[in-house]
Amino acid sequence: VRTVKGILTHELTHVNQLDKSGDKMKPSSDATNNTEYLSNVHEIMAHANEAIVDLMSNDYTKDDVLQLLRNPKNSKIDAAESNAFWKYWDYFYDPEEQNDTWKKFLKYCFQYLEEYD
């Protein structure tokens, strides 16, 4: 059930993006290149929303999730609790040098967490 909820959240995020763009949304980057594909802002937003739904569906508190977002290596939540979070952590997290994709992913995670009911 949790996985289905995350997938639906991800795809509904794309539907909302398409509605807001007036059908002018460009297709995502080459899906065979994971780094390029996951760096697309529409994918970042959809994965961030999915990650928050995944984590909150595991009965974590907002404070628990905030701790993960602020310091993934020292959180009581295993990043693998959310496939969406894990992908971005695996591809883009570097405690020495945070790249733009990781920063954008976190930005949207914080936004979706704030909106989460």
C-alpha atoms as a PDB file:
ATOM      1  CA  VAL A   1       0.000   0.000   0.000  1.00  0.00           C
ATOM      2  CA  ARG A   2       2.801   2.372   0.915  1.00  0.00           C
ATOM      3  CA  THR A   3       4.542   1.887  -2.428  1.00  0.00           C
ATOM      4  CA  VAL A   4       1.341   2.445  -4.388  1.00  0.00           C
ATOM      5  CA  LYS A   5       0.678   5.641  -2.451  1.00  0.00           C
ATOM      6  CA  GLY A   6       4.182   6.904  -3.250  1.00  0.00           C
ATOM      7  CA  ILE A   7       3.873   6.061  -6.943  1.00  0.00           C
ATOM      8  CA  LEU A   8       0.474   7.750  -7.177  1.00  0.00           C
ATOM      9  CA  THR A   9       1.856  10.823  -5.415  1.00  0.00           C
ATOM     10  CA  HIS A  10       4.748  10.932  -7.880  1.00  0.00           C
ATOM     11  CA  GLU A  11       2.502  10.685 -10.930  1.00  0.00           C
ATOM     12  CA  LEU A  12      -0.094  13.130  -9.555  1.00  0.00           C
ATOM     13  CA  THR A  13       2.718  15.630  -9.061  1.00  0.00           C
ATOM     14  CA  HIS A  14       3.421  15.337 -12.797  1.00  0.00           C
ATOM     15  CA  VAL A  15      -0.295  15.794 -13.578  1.00  0.00           C
ATOM     16  CA  ASN A  16      -0.316  19.003 -11.496  1.00  0.00           C
ATOM     17  CA  GLN A  17       2.845  20.191 -13.267  1.00  0.00           C
ATOM     18  CA  LEU A  18       1.227  19.569 -16.630  1.00  0.00           C
ATOM     19  CA  ASP A  19      -1.925  21.449 -15.589  1.00  0.00           C
ATOM     20  CA  LYS A  20       0.103  24.441 -14.408  1.00  0.00           C
ATOM     21  CA  SER A  21       2.221  24.504 -17.562  1.00  0.00           C
ATOM     22  CA  GLY A  22      -0.794  24.642 -19.862  1.00  0.00           C
ATOM     23  CA  ASP A  23       0.387  21.505 -21.653  1.00  0.00           C
ATOM     24  CA  LYS A  24       3.719  23.180 -22.464  1.00  0.00           C
ATOM     25  CA  MET A  25       5.794  20.922 -20.227  1.00  0.00           C
ATOM     26  CA  LYS A  26       8.913  19.588 -21.914  1.00  0.00           C
ATOM     27  CA  PRO A  27       9.518  15.848 -21.683  1.00  0.00           C
ATOM     28  CA  SER A  28      11.994  14.756 -19.061  1.00  0.00           C
ATOM     29  CA  SER A  29      15.591  14.264 -20.031  1.00  0.00           C
ATOM     30  CA  ASP A  30      16.955  10.997 -21.363  1.00  0.00           C
ATOM     31  CA  ALA A  31      15.665   8.306 -19.011  1.00  0.00           C
ATOM     32  CA  THR A  32      18.640   6.078 -19.809  1.00  0.00           C
ATOM     33  CA  ASN A  33      20.982   8.543 -18.109  1.00  0.00           C
ATOM     34  CA  ASN A  34      19.862   8.443 -14.467  1.00  0.00           C
ATOM     35  CA  THR A  35      21.862  11.459 -13.343  1.00  0.00           C
ATOM     36  CA  GLU A  36      20.491  13.640 -16.132  1.00  0.00           C
ATOM     37  CA  TYR A  37      16.959  12.263 -15.749  1.00  0.00           C
ATOM     38  CA  LEU A  38      16.889  12.763 -11.970  1.00  0.00           C
ATOM     39  CA  SER A  39      18.291  16.300 -12.367  1.00  0.00           C
ATOM     40  CA  ASN A  40      15.203  17.430 -14.296  1.00  0.00           C
ATOM     41  CA  VAL A  41      13.252  19.814 -12.063  1.00  0.00           C
ATOM     42  CA  HIS A  42       9.965  18.011 -12.715  1.00  0.00           C
ATOM     43  CA  GLU A  43      11.497  14.722 -11.599  1.00  0.00           C
ATOM     44  CA  ILE A  44      13.100  16.378  -8.572  1.00  0.00           C
ATOM     45  CA  MET A  45       9.718  17.728  -7.484  1.00  0.00           C
ATOM     46  CA  ALA A  46       7.884  14.439  -8.068  1.00  0.00           C
ATOM     47  CA  HIS A  47      10.529  12.391  -6.245  1.00  0.00           C
ATOM     48  CA  ALA A  48      10.623  14.860  -3.346  1.00  0.00           C
ATOM     49  CA  ASN A  49       6.851  14.659  -2.937  1.00  0.00           C
ATOM     50  CA  GLU A  50       6.990  10.858  -3.163  1.00  0.00           C
ATOM     51  CA  ALA A  51       9.784  10.724  -0.568  1.00  0.00           C
ATOM     52  CA  ILE A  52       7.817  12.781   1.953  1.00  0.00           C
ATOM     53  CA  VAL A  53       4.697  10.644   1.474  1.00  0.00           C
ATOM     54  CA  ASP A  54       6.787   7.472   1.856  1.00  0.00           C
ATOM     55  CA  LEU A  55       8.443   8.663   5.048  1.00  0.00           C
ATOM     56  CA  MET A  56       5.329  10.108   6.647  1.00  0.00           C
ATOM     57  CA  SER A  57       3.415   6.918   5.768  1.00  0.00           C
ATOM     58  CA  ASN A  58       5.927   5.030   7.913  1.00  0.00           C
ATOM     59  CA  ASP A  59       4.576   6.859  10.974  1.00  0.00           C
ATOM     60  CA  TYR A  60       7.609   9.097  11.333  1.00  0.00           C
ATOM     61  CA  THR A  61       7.007  12.528  12.790  1.00  0.00           C
ATOM     62  CA  LYS A  62       7.759  15.707  10.909  1.00  0.00           C
ATOM     63  CA  ASP A  63      10.667  16.236  13.313  1.00  0.00           C
ATOM     64  CA  ASP A  64      12.081  12.800  12.418  1.00  0.00           C
ATOM     65  CA  VAL A  65      11.870  13.627   8.723  1.00  0.00           C
ATOM     66  CA  LEU A  66      13.390  17.082   9.270  1.00  0.00           C
ATOM     67  CA  GLN A  67      16.326  15.414  11.011  1.00  0.00           C
ATOM     68  CA  LEU A  68      16.814  13.114   8.012  1.00  0.00           C
ATOM     69  CA  LEU A  69      16.690  16.038   5.591  1.00  0.00           C
ATOM     70  CA  ARG A  70      19.161  18.083   7.610  1.00  0.00           C
ATOM     71  CA  ASN A  71      21.605  15.276   8.328  1.00  0.00           C
ATOM     72  CA  PRO A  72      20.950  12.036   6.438  1.00  0.00           C
ATOM     73  CA  LYS A  73      23.939  10.201   7.910  1.00  0.00           C
ATOM     74  CA  ASN A  74      22.950  10.855  11.528  1.00  0.00           C
ATOM     75  CA  SER A  75      19.235  10.233  11.385  1.00  0.00           C
ATOM     76  CA  LYS A  76      17.258   7.515  13.095  1.00  0.00           C
ATOM     77  CA  ILE A  77      15.508   6.999   9.756  1.00  0.00           C
ATOM     78  CA  ASP A  78      17.285   4.802   7.255  1.00  0.00           C
ATOM     79  CA  ALA A  79      17.323   6.616   3.905  1.00  0.00           C
ATOM     80  CA  ALA A  80      16.200   3.353   2.296  1.00  0.00           C
ATOM     81  CA  GLU A  81      12.779   3.764   3.961  1.00  0.00           C
ATOM     82  CA  SER A  82      11.913   5.722   0.830  1.00  0.00           C
ATOM     83  CA  ASN A  83      13.090   4.562  -2.567  1.00  0.00           C
ATOM     84  CA  ALA A  84      12.674   8.115  -3.876  1.00  0.00           C
ATOM     85  CA  PHE A  85      14.835   9.575  -1.083  1.00  0.00           C
ATOM     86  CA  TRP A  86      17.394   6.793  -1.452  1.00  0.00           C
ATOM     87  CA  LYS A  87      17.845   7.479  -5.195  1.00  0.00           C
ATOM     88  CA  TYR A  88      18.711  11.120  -4.625  1.00  0.00           C
ATOM     89  CA  TRP A  89      20.881  10.320  -1.620  1.00  0.00           C
ATOM     90  CA  ASP A  90      22.756   7.678  -3.624  1.00  0.00           C
ATOM     91  CA  TYR A  91      23.247   9.794  -6.752  1.00  0.00           C
ATOM     92  CA  PHE A  92      23.685  13.286  -5.362  1.00  0.00           C
ATOM     93  CA  TYR A  93      24.438  13.410  -1.618  1.00  0.00           C
ATOM     94  CA  ASP A  94      27.979  14.443  -0.784  1.00  0.00           C
ATOM     95  CA  PRO A  95      28.540  15.921   2.678  1.00  0.00           C
ATOM     96  CA  GLU A  96      31.652  17.717   1.436  1.00  0.00           C
ATOM     97  CA  GLU A  97      30.099  19.367  -1.592  1.00  0.00           C
ATOM     98  CA  GLN A  98      26.336  19.479  -2.041  1.00  0.00           C
ATOM     99  CA  ASN A  99      25.462  19.823  -5.687  1.00  0.00           C
ATOM    100  CA  ASP A 100      22.552  21.767  -7.140  1.00  0.00           C
ATOM    101  CA  THR A 101      20.341  18.729  -7.697  1.00  0.00           C
ATOM    102  CA  TRP A 102      20.636  17.658  -4.035  1.00  0.00           C
ATOM    103  CA  LYS A 103      19.889  21.213  -2.894  1.00  0.00           C
ATOM    104  CA  LYS A 104      16.791  21.405  -5.109  1.00  0.00           C
ATOM    105  CA  PHE A 105      15.632  17.981  -3.936  1.00  0.00           C
ATOM    106  CA  LEU A 106      15.920  19.069  -0.288  1.00  0.00           C
ATOM    107  CA  LYS A 107      14.172  22.373  -1.036  1.00  0.00           C
ATOM    108  CA  TYR A 108      11.165  20.536  -2.437  1.00  0.00           C
ATOM    109  CA  CYS A 109      11.238  17.951   0.354  1.00  0.00           C
ATOM    110  CA  PHE A 110      11.009  20.759   2.908  1.00  0.00           C
ATOM    111  CA  GLN A 111       8.179  22.361   0.911  1.00  0.00           C
ATOM    112  CA  TYR A 112       6.170  19.133   0.638  1.00  0.00           C
ATOM    113  CA  LEU A 113       6.798  18.284   4.292  1.00  0.00           C
ATOM    114  CA  GLU A 114       5.431  21.668   5.314  1.00  0.00           C
ATOM    115  CA  GLU A 115       2.300  21.031   3.218  1.00  0.00           C
ATOM    116  CA  TYR A 116       1.867  17.433   4.428  1.00  0.00           C
ATOM    117  CA  ASP A 117      -1.251  16.734   6.500  1.00  0.00           C
END
